[in-house]
Amino acid sequence: MSDKPEIDFPEGEPPATLQSTDVVSGDGAEAQPGAEVLVHYVGVDFASGEEFDSSWDRGEPIRFPLRGLIQGWQDGIPGMKVGGRRQLTIPPEQAYGAAGGGHRLSGKTLIFMIDLLDVG
């Protein structure tokens, strides 16, 4: 899975809770809560479908500890296996907080497509 994924524009109302869908099930090591992960990802705004970030566009994956990320990633990545691709739809409370929270994505439901490349 080296190609940047496309995220289909969602229909209906944004979910009130974290939604996790495995697009491709991996068969490698499993990500544990708080693990350090190496991922490729793309993120879009649920309401507009506008892309706001993509590691593919920067040309390299990113490695970081889950505990330092938004709650939706902390809750949505554990259980994924290396080689997998997962879509997370994250409500504002598990992303950057309510509108007016000071972050440009505050108040927004976000969709991420994440490829898990390595754990540890």
PDB file of N, CA and C in Angstrom:
ATOM      1  N   MET A   1       0.845  -1.196   0.000  1.00  0.00           N
ATOM      2  CA  MET A   1       0.000   0.000   0.000  1.00  0.00           C
ATOM      3  C   MET A   1       0.878   1.242   0.000  1.00  0.00           C
ATOM      4  N   SER A   2       1.426   1.531  -1.130  1.00  0.00           N
ATOM      5  CA  SER A   2       2.289   2.698  -1.204  1.00  0.00           C
ATOM      6  C   SER A   2       1.571   3.891  -1.808  1.00  0.00           C
ATOM      7  N   ASP A   3       0.385   3.676  -2.347  1.00  0.00           N
ATOM      8  CA  ASP A   3      -0.344   4.766  -2.978  1.00  0.00           C
ATOM      9  C   ASP A   3      -1.203   5.512  -1.976  1.00  0.00           C
ATOM     10  N   LYS A   4      -1.248   6.820  -2.145  1.00  0.00           N
ATOM     11  CA  LYS A   4      -2.100   7.656  -1.298  1.00  0.00           C
ATOM     12  C   LYS A   4      -3.565   7.267  -1.532  1.00  0.00           C
ATOM     13  N   PRO A   5      -4.299   7.004  -0.460  1.00  0.00           N
ATOM     14  CA  PRO A   5      -5.695   6.607  -0.618  1.00  0.00           C
ATOM     15  C   PRO A   5      -6.612   7.794  -0.901  1.00  0.00           C
ATOM     16  N   GLU A   6      -7.719   7.500  -1.525  1.00  0.00           N
ATOM     17  CA  GLU A   6      -8.780   8.485  -1.707  1.00  0.00           C
ATOM     18  C   GLU A   6      -9.808   8.246  -0.609  1.00  0.00           C
ATOM     19  N   ILE A   7     -10.339   9.307  -0.063  1.00  0.00           N
ATOM     20  CA  ILE A   7     -11.391   9.180   0.942  1.00  0.00           C
ATOM     21  C   ILE A   7     -12.689   9.624   0.299  1.00  0.00           C
ATOM     22  N   ASP A   8     -13.651   8.715   0.260  1.00  0.00           N
ATOM     23  CA  ASP A   8     -14.946   9.040  -0.317  1.00  0.00           C
ATOM     24  C   ASP A   8     -15.647  10.090   0.535  1.00  0.00           C
ATOM     25  N   PHE A   9     -16.321  11.038  -0.137  1.00  0.00           N
ATOM     26  CA  PHE A   9     -17.042  12.073   0.590  1.00  0.00           C
ATOM     27  C   PHE A   9     -18.171  11.408   1.381  1.00  0.00           C
ATOM     28  N   PRO A  10     -18.238  11.672   2.690  1.00  0.00           N
ATOM     29  CA  PRO A  10     -19.245  11.009   3.521  1.00  0.00           C
ATOM     30  C   PRO A  10     -20.649  11.566   3.278  1.00  0.00           C
ATOM     31  N   GLU A  11     -21.625  10.737   3.553  1.00  0.00           N
ATOM     32  CA  GLU A  11     -23.025  11.163   3.457  1.00  0.00           C
ATOM     33  C   GLU A  11     -23.612  11.183   4.854  1.00  0.00           C
ATOM     34  N   GLY A  12     -24.637  12.005   5.034  1.00  0.00           N
ATOM     35  CA  GLY A  12     -25.350  12.040   6.299  1.00  0.00           C
ATOM     36  C   GLY A  12     -24.662  12.879   7.357  1.00  0.00           C
ATOM     37  N   GLU A  13     -25.136  12.689   8.568  1.00  0.00           N
ATOM     38  CA  GLU A  13     -24.625  13.455   9.712  1.00  0.00           C
ATOM     39  C   GLU A  13     -23.321  12.840  10.216  1.00  0.00           C
ATOM     40  N   PRO A  14     -22.442  13.680  10.759  1.00  0.00           N
ATOM     41  CA  PRO A  14     -21.212  13.130  11.328  1.00  0.00           C
ATOM     42  C   PRO A  14     -21.527  12.274  12.551  1.00  0.00           C
ATOM     43  N   PRO A  15     -20.767  11.226  12.782  1.00  0.00           N
ATOM     44  CA  PRO A  15     -21.021  10.369  13.939  1.00  0.00           C
ATOM     45  C   PRO A  15     -20.687  11.077  15.249  1.00  0.00           C
ATOM     46  N   ALA A  16     -21.370  10.668  16.309  1.00  0.00           N
ATOM     47  CA  ALA A  16     -21.142  11.252  17.632  1.00  0.00           C
ATOM     48  C   ALA A  16     -19.996  10.559  18.358  1.00  0.00           C
ATOM     49  N   THR A  17     -19.615   9.370  17.877  1.00  0.00           N
ATOM     50  CA  THR A  17     -18.538   8.605  18.501  1.00  0.00           C
ATOM     51  C   THR A  17     -17.518   8.204  17.443  1.00  0.00           C
ATOM     52  N   LEU A  18     -16.351   7.804  17.894  1.00  0.00           N
ATOM     53  CA  LEU A  18     -15.289   7.355  17.018  1.00  0.00           C
ATOM     54  C   LEU A  18     -15.764   6.176  16.175  1.00  0.00           C
ATOM     55  N   GLN A  19     -15.563   6.270  14.864  1.00  0.00           N
ATOM     56  CA  GLN A  19     -15.884   5.180  13.942  1.00  0.00           C
ATOM     57  C   GLN A  19     -14.584   4.659  13.353  1.00  0.00           C
ATOM     58  N   SER A  20     -14.394   3.358  13.398  1.00  0.00           N
ATOM     59  CA  SER A  20     -13.175   2.727  12.910  1.00  0.00           C
ATOM     60  C   SER A  20     -13.540   1.628  11.930  1.00  0.00           C
ATOM     61  N   THR A  21     -12.941   1.675  10.732  1.00  0.00           N
ATOM     62  CA  THR A  21     -13.204   0.672   9.700  1.00  0.00           C
ATOM     63  C   THR A  21     -11.888   0.192   9.118  1.00  0.00           C
ATOM     64  N   ASP A  22     -11.661  -1.113   9.182  1.00  0.00           N
ATOM     65  CA  ASP A  22     -10.476  -1.669   8.545  1.00  0.00           C
ATOM     66  C   ASP A  22     -10.749  -1.831   7.057  1.00  0.00           C
ATOM     67  N   VAL A  23      -9.984  -1.098   6.245  1.00  0.00           N
ATOM     68  CA  VAL A  23     -10.085  -1.174   4.796  1.00  0.00           C
ATOM     69  C   VAL A  23      -9.257  -2.360   4.307  1.00  0.00           C
ATOM     70  N   VAL A  24      -8.085  -2.519   4.924  1.00  0.00           N
ATOM     71  CA  VAL A  24      -7.201  -3.661   4.669  1.00  0.00           C
ATOM     72  C   VAL A  24      -6.737  -4.163   6.032  1.00  0.00           C
ATOM     73  N   SER A  25      -6.880  -5.461   6.277  1.00  0.00           N
ATOM     74  CA  SER A  25      -6.397  -6.038   7.528  1.00  0.00           C
ATOM     75  C   SER A  25      -4.931  -6.406   7.361  1.00  0.00           C
ATOM     76  N   GLY A  26      -4.116  -5.921   8.290  1.00  0.00           N
ATOM     77  CA  GLY A  26      -2.699  -6.243   8.249  1.00  0.00           C
ATOM     78  C   GLY A  26      -2.433  -7.616   8.844  1.00  0.00           C
ATOM     79  N   ASP A  27      -1.214  -8.114   8.656  1.00  0.00           N
ATOM     80  CA  ASP A  27      -0.859  -9.406   9.222  1.00  0.00           C
ATOM     81  C   ASP A  27       0.457  -9.348   9.997  1.00  0.00           C
ATOM     82  N   GLY A  28       0.900  -8.139  10.287  1.00  0.00           N
ATOM     83  CA  GLY A  28       2.145  -7.971  11.034  1.00  0.00           C
ATOM     84  C   GLY A  28       1.893  -7.742  12.516  1.00  0.00           C
ATOM     85  N   ALA A  29       2.866  -7.115  13.169  1.00  0.00           N
ATOM     86  CA  ALA A  29       2.774  -6.826  14.598  1.00  0.00           C
ATOM     87  C   ALA A  29       1.581  -5.915  14.876  1.00  0.00           C
ATOM     88  N   GLU A  30       0.974  -6.101  16.044  1.00  0.00           N
ATOM     89  CA  GLU A  30      -0.210  -5.333  16.421  1.00  0.00           C
ATOM     90  C   GLU A  30       0.168  -4.119  17.258  1.00  0.00           C
ATOM     91  N   ALA A  31      -0.423  -2.975  16.921  1.00  0.00           N
ATOM     92  CA  ALA A  31      -0.198  -1.754  17.688  1.00  0.00           C
ATOM     93  C   ALA A  31      -0.904  -1.852  19.036  1.00  0.00           C
ATOM     94  N   GLN A  32      -0.182  -1.535  20.087  1.00  0.00           N
ATOM     95  CA  GLN A  32      -0.720  -1.540  21.443  1.00  0.00           C
ATOM     96  C   GLN A  32      -0.964  -0.103  21.893  1.00  0.00           C
ATOM     97  N   PRO A  33      -1.846   0.114  22.886  1.00  0.00           N
ATOM     98  CA  PRO A  33      -2.047   1.468  23.402  1.00  0.00           C
ATOM     99  C   PRO A  33      -0.712   2.071  23.855  1.00  0.00           C
ATOM    100  N   GLY A  34      -0.470   3.310  23.449  1.00  0.00           N
ATOM    101  CA  GLY A  34       0.746   4.012  23.835  1.00  0.00           C
ATOM    102  C   GLY A  34       1.975   3.644  23.019  1.00  0.00           C
ATOM    103  N   ALA A  35       1.832   2.717  22.063  1.00  0.00           N
ATOM    104  CA  ALA A  35       2.972   2.286  21.260  1.00  0.00           C
ATOM    105  C   ALA A  35       3.494   3.418  20.385  1.00  0.00           C
ATOM    106  N   GLU A  36       4.735   3.264  19.939  1.00  0.00           N
ATOM    107  CA  GLU A  36       5.265   4.149  18.915  1.00  0.00           C
ATOM    108  C   GLU A  36       4.926   3.516  17.570  1.00  0.00           C
ATOM    109  N   VAL A  37       4.401   4.326  16.659  1.00  0.00           N
ATOM    110  CA  VAL A  37       3.958   3.803  15.367  1.00  0.00           C
ATOM    111  C   VAL A  37       4.591   4.587  14.224  1.00  0.00           C
ATOM    112  N   LEU A  38       4.768   3.902  13.094  1.00  0.00           N
ATOM    113  CA  LEU A  38       5.210   4.518  11.849  1.00  0.00           C
ATOM    114  C   LEU A  38       4.028   4.404  10.896  1.00  0.00           C
ATOM    115  N   VAL A  39       3.525   5.548  10.451  1.00  0.00           N
ATOM    116  CA  VAL A  39       2.314   5.556   9.633  1.00  0.00           C
ATOM    117  C   VAL A  39       2.443   6.486   8.434  1.00  0.00           C
ATOM    118  N   HIS A  40       1.659   6.184   7.427  1.00  0.00           N
ATOM    119  CA  HIS A  40       1.323   7.129   6.375  1.00  0.00           C
ATOM    120  C   HIS A  40      -0.144   7.449   6.609  1.00  0.00           C
ATOM    121  N   TYR A  41      -0.540   8.697   6.396  1.00  0.00           N
ATOM    122  CA  TYR A  41      -1.938   9.048   6.625  1.00  0.00           C
ATOM    123  C   TYR A  41      -2.356  10.226   5.763  1.00  0.00           C
ATOM    124  N   VAL A  42      -3.660  10.327   5.593  1.00  0.00           N
ATOM    125  CA  VAL A  42      -4.267  11.499   4.979  1.00  0.00           C
ATOM    126  C   VAL A  42      -5.483  11.849   5.825  1.00  0.00           C
ATOM    127  N   GLY A  43      -5.699  13.144   6.019  1.00  0.00           N
ATOM    128  CA  GLY A  43      -6.839  13.601   6.812  1.00  0.00           C
ATOM    129  C   GLY A  43      -7.691  14.576   6.044  1.00  0.00           C
ATOM    130  N   VAL A  44      -9.017  14.428   6.165  1.00  0.00           N
ATOM    131  CA  VAL A  44      -9.958  15.344   5.523  1.00  0.00           C
ATOM    132  C   VAL A  44     -11.015  15.784   6.525  1.00  0.00           C
ATOM    133  N   ASP A  45     -11.591  16.940   6.251  1.00  0.00           N
ATOM    134  CA  ASP A  45     -12.701  17.485   7.034  1.00  0.00           C
ATOM    135  C   ASP A  45     -13.980  16.767   6.607  1.00  0.00           C
ATOM    136  N   PHE A  46     -14.714  16.204   7.568  1.00  0.00           N
ATOM    137  CA  PHE A  46     -15.945  15.466   7.275  1.00  0.00           C
ATOM    138  C   PHE A  46     -16.953  16.337   6.527  1.00  0.00           C
ATOM    139  N   ALA A  47     -17.112  17.586   6.957  1.00  0.00           N
ATOM    140  CA  ALA A  47     -18.154  18.455   6.392  1.00  0.00           C
ATOM    141  C   ALA A  47     -17.853  18.885   4.960  1.00  0.00           C
ATOM    142  N   SER A  48     -16.595  19.208   4.674  1.00  0.00           N
ATOM    143  CA  SER A  48     -16.252  19.758   3.360  1.00  0.00           C
ATOM    144  C   SER A  48     -15.571  18.755   2.439  1.00  0.00           C
ATOM    145  N   GLY A  49     -14.994  17.706   3.021  1.00  0.00           N
ATOM    146  CA  GLY A  49     -14.201  16.771   2.231  1.00  0.00           C
ATOM    147  C   GLY A  49     -12.827  17.318   1.892  1.00  0.00           C
ATOM    148  N   GLU A  50     -12.495  18.493   2.415  1.00  0.00           N
ATOM    149  CA  GLU A  50     -11.218  19.136   2.111  1.00  0.00           C
ATOM    150  C   GLU A  50     -10.073  18.483   2.875  1.00  0.00           C
ATOM    151  N   GLU A  51      -9.015  18.144   2.152  1.00  0.00           N
ATOM    152  CA  GLU A  51      -7.835  17.558   2.783  1.00  0.00           C
ATOM    153  C   GLU A  51      -7.098  18.635   3.565  1.00  0.00           C
ATOM    154  N   PHE A  52      -6.696  18.299   4.803  1.00  0.00           N
ATOM    155  CA  PHE A  52      -5.943  19.266   5.607  1.00  0.00           C
ATOM    156  C   PHE A  52      -4.536  18.789   5.927  1.00  0.00           C
ATOM    157  N   ASP A  53      -4.249  17.506   5.726  1.00  0.00           N
ATOM    158  CA  ASP A  53      -2.903  17.019   6.011  1.00  0.00           C
ATOM    159  C   ASP A  53      -2.697  15.674   5.322  1.00  0.00           C
ATOM    160  N   SER A  54      -1.446  15.404   4.916  1.00  0.00           N
ATOM    161  CA  SER A  54      -1.125  14.136   4.292  1.00  0.00           C
ATOM    162  C   SER A  54       0.373  13.881   4.372  1.00  0.00           C
ATOM    163  N   SER A  55       0.749  12.756   4.984  1.00  0.00           N
ATOM    164  CA  SER A  55       2.161  12.393   5.006  1.00  0.00           C
ATOM    165  C   SER A  55       2.630  12.008   3.605  1.00  0.00           C
ATOM    166  N   TRP A  56       1.719  11.497   2.772  1.00  0.00           N
ATOM    167  CA  TRP A  56       2.091  11.151   1.393  1.00  0.00           C
ATOM    168  C   TRP A  56       2.578  12.392   0.652  1.00  0.00           C
ATOM    169  N   ASP A  57       1.914  13.537   0.887  1.00  0.00           N
ATOM    170  CA  ASP A  57       2.299  14.768   0.198  1.00  0.00           C
ATOM    171  C   ASP A  57       3.677  15.262   0.651  1.00  0.00           C
ATOM    172  N   ARG A  58       4.083  14.881   1.862  1.00  0.00           N
ATOM    173  CA  ARG A  58       5.415  15.258   2.346  1.00  0.00           C
ATOM    174  C   ARG A  58       6.478  14.268   1.877  1.00  0.00           C
ATOM    175  N   GLY A  59       6.034  13.141   1.306  1.00  0.00           N
ATOM    176  CA  GLY A  59       6.964  12.195   0.713  1.00  0.00           C
ATOM    177  C   GLY A  59       7.569  11.186   1.657  1.00  0.00           C
ATOM    178  N   GLU A  60       7.135  11.166   2.921  1.00  0.00           N
ATOM    179  CA  GLU A  60       7.657  10.165   3.844  1.00  0.00           C
ATOM    180  C   GLU A  60       6.685   9.938   4.989  1.00  0.00           C
ATOM    181  N   PRO A  61       6.691   8.715   5.529  1.00  0.00           N
ATOM    182  CA  PRO A  61       5.823   8.433   6.677  1.00  0.00           C
ATOM    183  C   PRO A  61       6.345   9.148   7.917  1.00  0.00           C
ATOM    184  N   ILE A  62       5.551   9.112   8.965  1.00  0.00           N
ATOM    185  CA  ILE A  62       5.929   9.776  10.210  1.00  0.00           C
ATOM    186  C   ILE A  62       5.849   8.772  11.355  1.00  0.00           C
ATOM    187  N   ARG A  63       6.781   8.895  12.293  1.00  0.00           N
ATOM    188  CA  ARG A  63       6.836   8.017  13.469  1.00  0.00           C
ATOM    189  C   ARG A  63       6.565   8.865  14.708  1.00  0.00           C
ATOM    190  N   PHE A  64       5.668   8.383  15.554  1.00  0.00           N
ATOM    191  CA  PHE A  64       5.409   9.076  16.817  1.00  0.00           C
ATOM    192  C   PHE A  64       4.733   8.152  17.820  1.00  0.00           C
ATOM    193  N   PRO A  65       4.840   8.503  19.118  1.00  0.00           N
ATOM    194  CA  PRO A  65       4.154   7.721  20.143  1.00  0.00           C
ATOM    195  C   PRO A  65       2.662   8.086  20.150  1.00  0.00           C
ATOM    196  N   LEU A  66       1.810   7.075  20.254  1.00  0.00           N
ATOM    197  CA  LEU A  66       0.366   7.329  20.258  1.00  0.00           C
ATOM    198  C   LEU A  66      -0.059   8.253  21.391  1.00  0.00           C
ATOM    199  N   ARG A  67       0.594   8.153  22.542  1.00  0.00           N
ATOM    200  CA  ARG A  67       0.143   8.950  23.694  1.00  0.00           C
ATOM    201  C   ARG A  67       0.241  10.449  23.457  1.00  0.00           C
ATOM    202  N   GLY A  68       0.999  10.866  22.441  1.00  0.00           N
ATOM    203  CA  GLY A  68       1.124  12.286  22.156  1.00  0.00           C
ATOM    204  C   GLY A  68       0.132  12.796  21.130  1.00  0.00           C
ATOM    205  N   LEU A  69      -0.766  11.934  20.663  1.00  0.00           N
ATOM    206  CA  LEU A  69      -1.667  12.294  19.569  1.00  0.00           C
ATOM    207  C   LEU A  69      -3.077  12.576  20.064  1.00  0.00           C
ATOM    208  N   ILE A  70      -3.931  13.018  19.144  1.00  0.00           N
ATOM    209  CA  ILE A  70      -5.322  13.256  19.512  1.00  0.00           C
ATOM    210  C   ILE A  70      -5.950  11.953  20.008  1.00  0.00           C
ATOM    211  N   GLN A  71      -6.974  12.064  20.834  1.00  0.00           N
ATOM    212  CA  GLN A  71      -7.596  10.910  21.462  1.00  0.00           C
ATOM    213  C   GLN A  71      -8.126   9.906  20.441  1.00  0.00           C
ATOM    214  N   GLY A  72      -8.650  10.386  19.329  1.00  0.00           N
ATOM    215  CA  GLY A  72      -9.173   9.487  18.309  1.00  0.00           C
ATOM    216  C   GLY A  72      -8.112   8.543  17.750  1.00  0.00           C
ATOM    217  N   TRP A  73      -6.880   9.032  17.649  1.00  0.00           N
ATOM    218  CA  TRP A  73      -5.784   8.158  17.202  1.00  0.00           C
ATOM    219  C   TRP A  73      -5.377   7.218  18.328  1.00  0.00           C
ATOM    220  N   GLN A  74      -5.333   7.732  19.562  1.00  0.00           N
ATOM    221  CA  GLN A  74      -4.956   6.895  20.705  1.00  0.00           C
ATOM    222  C   GLN A  74      -5.932   5.725  20.872  1.00  0.00           C
ATOM    223  N   ASP A  75      -7.206   5.990  20.600  1.00  0.00           N
ATOM    224  CA  ASP A  75      -8.239   4.954  20.738  1.00  0.00           C
ATOM    225  C   ASP A  75      -8.413   4.128  19.466  1.00  0.00           C
ATOM    226  N   GLY A  76      -8.121   4.721  18.304  1.00  0.00           N
ATOM    227  CA  GLY A  76      -8.438   4.082  17.034  1.00  0.00           C
ATOM    228  C   GLY A  76      -7.346   3.254  16.397  1.00  0.00           C
ATOM    229  N   ILE A  77      -6.087   3.462  16.785  1.00  0.00           N
ATOM    230  CA  ILE A  77      -4.987   2.718  16.165  1.00  0.00           C
ATOM    231  C   ILE A  77      -4.666   1.402  16.887  1.00  0.00           C
ATOM    232  N   PRO A  78      -4.712   1.354  18.231  1.00  0.00           N
ATOM    233  CA  PRO A  78      -4.446   0.071  18.879  1.00  0.00           C
ATOM    234  C   PRO A  78      -5.344  -1.039  18.316  1.00  0.00           C
ATOM    235  N   GLY A  79      -4.718  -2.199  18.116  1.00  0.00           N
ATOM    236  CA  GLY A  79      -5.433  -3.319  17.513  1.00  0.00           C
ATOM    237  C   GLY A  79      -5.163  -3.451  16.028  1.00  0.00           C
ATOM    238  N   MET A  80      -4.696  -2.367  15.417  1.00  0.00           N
ATOM    239  CA  MET A  80      -4.286  -2.430  14.012  1.00  0.00           C
ATOM    240  C   MET A  80      -3.027  -3.268  13.903  1.00  0.00           C
ATOM    241  N   LYS A  81      -2.864  -3.953  12.775  1.00  0.00           N
ATOM    242  CA  LYS A  81      -1.654  -4.728  12.536  1.00  0.00           C
ATOM    243  C   LYS A  81      -0.871  -4.111  11.375  1.00  0.00           C
ATOM    244  N   VAL A  82       0.449  -4.224  11.461  1.00  0.00           N
ATOM    245  CA  VAL A  82       1.319  -3.705  10.404  1.00  0.00           C
ATOM    246  C   VAL A  82       0.869  -4.293   9.066  1.00  0.00           C
ATOM    247  N   GLY A  83       0.806  -3.414   8.083  1.00  0.00           N
ATOM    248  CA  GLY A  83       0.316  -3.799   6.757  1.00  0.00           C
ATOM    249  C   GLY A  83      -1.140  -3.444   6.559  1.00  0.00           C
ATOM    250  N   GLY A  84      -1.787  -2.977   7.615  1.00  0.00           N
ATOM    251  CA  GLY A  84      -3.204  -2.637   7.545  1.00  0.00           C
ATOM    252  C   GLY A  84      -3.455  -1.195   7.175  1.00  0.00           C
ATOM    253  N   ARG A  85      -4.669  -0.947   6.683  1.00  0.00           N
ATOM    254  CA  ARG A  85      -5.152   0.404   6.394  1.00  0.00           C
ATOM    255  C   ARG A  85      -6.489   0.548   7.111  1.00  0.00           C
ATOM    256  N   ARG A  86      -6.607   1.604   7.918  1.00  0.00           N
ATOM    257  CA  ARG A  86      -7.811   1.831   8.709  1.00  0.00           C
ATOM    258  C   ARG A  86      -8.311   3.251   8.494  1.00  0.00           C
ATOM    259  N   GLN A  87      -9.628   3.368   8.379  1.00  0.00           N
ATOM    260  CA  GLN A  87     -10.257   4.689   8.316  1.00  0.00           C
ATOM    261  C   GLN A  87     -10.853   5.004   9.679  1.00  0.00           C
ATOM    262  N   LEU A  88     -10.495   6.177  10.206  1.00  0.00           N
ATOM    263  CA  LEU A  88     -11.051   6.661  11.467  1.00  0.00           C
ATOM    264  C   LEU A  88     -11.868   7.912  11.190  1.00  0.00           C
ATOM    265  N   THR A  89     -13.096   7.934  11.682  1.00  0.00           N
ATOM    266  CA  THR A  89     -13.919   9.139  11.643  1.00  0.00           C
ATOM    267  C   THR A  89     -14.035   9.595  13.090  1.00  0.00           C
ATOM    268  N   ILE A  90     -13.506  10.797  13.356  1.00  0.00           N
ATOM    269  CA  ILE A  90     -13.278  11.251  14.720  1.00  0.00           C
ATOM    270  C   ILE A  90     -14.095  12.511  15.012  1.00  0.00           C
ATOM    271  N   PRO A  91     -15.019  12.446  15.995  1.00  0.00           N
ATOM    272  CA  PRO A  91     -15.778  13.646  16.366  1.00  0.00           C
ATOM    273  C   PRO A  91     -14.871  14.670  17.057  1.00  0.00           C
ATOM    274  N   PRO A  92     -15.295  15.939  17.092  1.00  0.00           N
ATOM    275  CA  PRO A  92     -14.455  17.004  17.653  1.00  0.00           C
ATOM    276  C   PRO A  92     -13.924  16.708  19.056  1.00  0.00           C
ATOM    277  N   GLU A  93     -14.744  16.064  19.905  1.00  0.00           N
ATOM    278  CA  GLU A  93     -14.338  15.809  21.293  1.00  0.00           C
ATOM    279  C   GLU A  93     -13.118  14.899  21.369  1.00  0.00           C
ATOM    280  N   GLN A  94     -12.899  14.077  20.339  1.00  0.00           N
ATOM    281  CA  GLN A  94     -11.746  13.176  20.329  1.00  0.00           C
ATOM    282  C   GLN A  94     -10.676  13.660  19.344  1.00  0.00           C
ATOM    283  N   ALA A  95     -10.885  14.856  18.792  1.00  0.00           N
ATOM    284  CA  ALA A  95      -9.919  15.424  17.858  1.00  0.00           C
ATOM    285  C   ALA A  95      -9.316  16.676  18.486  1.00  0.00           C
ATOM    286  N   TYR A  96      -9.767  17.854  18.038  1.00  0.00           N
ATOM    287  CA  TYR A  96      -9.175  19.105  18.531  1.00  0.00           C
ATOM    288  C   TYR A  96     -10.131  19.939  19.362  1.00  0.00           C
ATOM    289  N   GLY A  97     -11.203  19.299  19.878  1.00  0.00           N
ATOM    290  CA  GLY A  97     -12.099  19.978  20.797  1.00  0.00           C
ATOM    291  C   GLY A  97     -13.189  20.774  20.100  1.00  0.00           C
ATOM    292  N   ALA A  98     -13.982  21.412  20.917  1.00  0.00           N
ATOM    293  CA  ALA A  98     -15.129  22.177  20.431  1.00  0.00           C
ATOM    294  C   ALA A  98     -14.687  23.395  19.623  1.00  0.00           C
ATOM    295  N   ALA A  99     -15.612  23.890  18.827  1.00  0.00           N
ATOM    296  CA  ALA A  99     -15.352  25.104  18.043  1.00  0.00           C
ATOM    297  C   ALA A  99     -14.881  26.208  18.979  1.00  0.00           C
ATOM    298  N   GLY A 100     -13.932  27.006  18.507  1.00  0.00           N
ATOM    299  CA  GLY A 100     -13.394  28.087  19.319  1.00  0.00           C
ATOM    300  C   GLY A 100     -12.285  27.629  20.249  1.00  0.00           C
ATOM    301  N   GLY A 101     -11.825  26.380  20.068  1.00  0.00           N
ATOM    302  CA  GLY A 101     -10.798  25.821  20.946  1.00  0.00           C
ATOM    303  C   GLY A 101      -9.388  26.284  20.648  1.00  0.00           C
ATOM    304  N   GLY A 102      -9.230  27.124  19.625  1.00  0.00           N
ATOM    305  CA  GLY A 102      -7.914  27.681  19.350  1.00  0.00           C
ATOM    306  C   GLY A 102      -7.125  26.957  18.268  1.00  0.00           C
ATOM    307  N   HIS A 103      -7.545  25.775  17.877  1.00  0.00           N
ATOM    308  CA  HIS A 103      -6.878  25.051  16.790  1.00  0.00           C
ATOM    309  C   HIS A 103      -7.703  25.242  15.528  1.00  0.00           C
ATOM    310  N   ARG A 104      -7.046  25.284  14.371  1.00  0.00           N
ATOM    311  CA  ARG A 104      -7.784  25.516  13.125  1.00  0.00           C
ATOM    312  C   ARG A 104      -8.798  24.412  12.830  1.00  0.00           C
ATOM    313  N   LEU A 105      -8.636  23.236  13.451  1.00  0.00           N
ATOM    314  CA  LEU A 105      -9.562  22.132  13.235  1.00  0.00           C
ATOM    315  C   LEU A 105     -10.533  21.936  14.406  1.00  0.00           C
ATOM    316  N   SER A 106     -10.528  22.854  15.367  1.00  0.00           N
ATOM    317  CA  SER A 106     -11.468  22.771  16.487  1.00  0.00           C
ATOM    318  C   SER A 106     -12.903  22.779  15.968  1.00  0.00           C
ATOM    319  N   GLY A 107     -13.742  21.938  16.567  1.00  0.00           N
ATOM    320  CA  GLY A 107     -15.150  21.891  16.205  1.00  0.00           C
ATOM    321  C   GLY A 107     -15.452  21.049  14.976  1.00  0.00           C
ATOM    322  N   LYS A 108     -14.435  20.435  14.381  1.00  0.00           N
ATOM    323  CA  LYS A 108     -14.633  19.681  13.142  1.00  0.00           C
ATOM    324  C   LYS A 108     -14.541  18.177  13.387  1.00  0.00           C
ATOM    325  N   THR A 109     -15.414  17.438  12.696  1.00  0.00           N
ATOM    326  CA  THR A 109     -15.286  15.985  12.633  1.00  0.00           C
ATOM    327  C   THR A 109     -14.277  15.687  11.534  1.00  0.00           C
ATOM    328  N   LEU A 110     -13.316  14.816  11.834  1.00  0.00           N
ATOM    329  CA  LEU A 110     -12.213  14.541  10.918  1.00  0.00           C
ATOM    330  C   LEU A 110     -12.222  13.089  10.473  1.00  0.00           C
ATOM    331  N   ILE A 111     -11.794  12.862   9.240  1.00  0.00           N
ATOM    332  CA  ILE A 111     -11.629  11.511   8.715  1.00  0.00           C
ATOM    333  C   ILE A 111     -10.160  11.321   8.372  1.00  0.00           C
ATOM    334  N   PHE A 112      -9.583  10.246   8.900  1.00  0.00           N
ATOM    335  CA  PHE A 112      -8.200   9.895   8.587  1.00  0.00           C
ATOM    336  C   PHE A 112      -8.169   8.517   7.953  1.00  0.00           C
ATOM    337  N   MET A 113      -7.347   8.357   6.939  1.00  0.00           N
ATOM    338  CA  MET A 113      -7.026   7.054   6.391  1.00  0.00           C
ATOM    339  C   MET A 113      -5.572   6.804   6.779  1.00  0.00           C
ATOM    340  N   ILE A 114      -5.327   5.724   7.504  1.00  0.00           N
ATOM    341  CA  ILE A 114      -4.022   5.464   8.097  1.00  0.00           C
ATOM    342  C   ILE A 114      -3.492   4.116   7.645  1.00  0.00           C
ATOM    343  N   ASP A 115      -2.263   4.100   7.145  1.00  0.00           N
ATOM    344  CA  ASP A 115      -1.542   2.866   6.846  1.00  0.00           C
ATOM    345  C   ASP A 115      -0.536   2.647   7.957  1.00  0.00           C
ATOM    346  N   LEU A 116      -0.608   1.511   8.639  1.00  0.00           N
ATOM    347  CA  LEU A 116       0.348   1.196   9.683  1.00  0.00           C
ATOM    348  C   LEU A 116       1.528   0.452   9.083  1.00  0.00           C
ATOM    349  N   LEU A 117       2.705   1.083   9.142  1.00  0.00           N
ATOM    350  CA  LEU A 117       3.914   0.538   8.510  1.00  0.00           C
ATOM    351  C   LEU A 117       4.817  -0.198   9.482  1.00  0.00           C
ATOM    352  N   ASP A 118       4.811   0.211  10.774  1.00  0.00           N
ATOM    353  CA  ASP A 118       5.680  -0.413  11.756  1.00  0.00           C
ATOM    354  C   ASP A 118       5.216  -0.020  13.154  1.00  0.00           C
ATOM    355  N   VAL A 119       5.512  -0.855  14.131  1.00  0.00           N
ATOM    356  CA  VAL A 119       5.263  -0.537  15.533  1.00  0.00           C
ATOM    357  C   VAL A 119       6.535  -0.807  16.312  1.00  0.00           C
ATOM    358  N   GLY A 120       6.656  -0.110  17.463  1.00  0.00           N
ATOM    359  CA  GLY A 120       7.815  -0.351  18.315  1.00  0.00           C
ATOM    360  C   GLY A 120       8.745   0.817  18.376  1.00  0.00           C
TER     361      GLY A 120
END
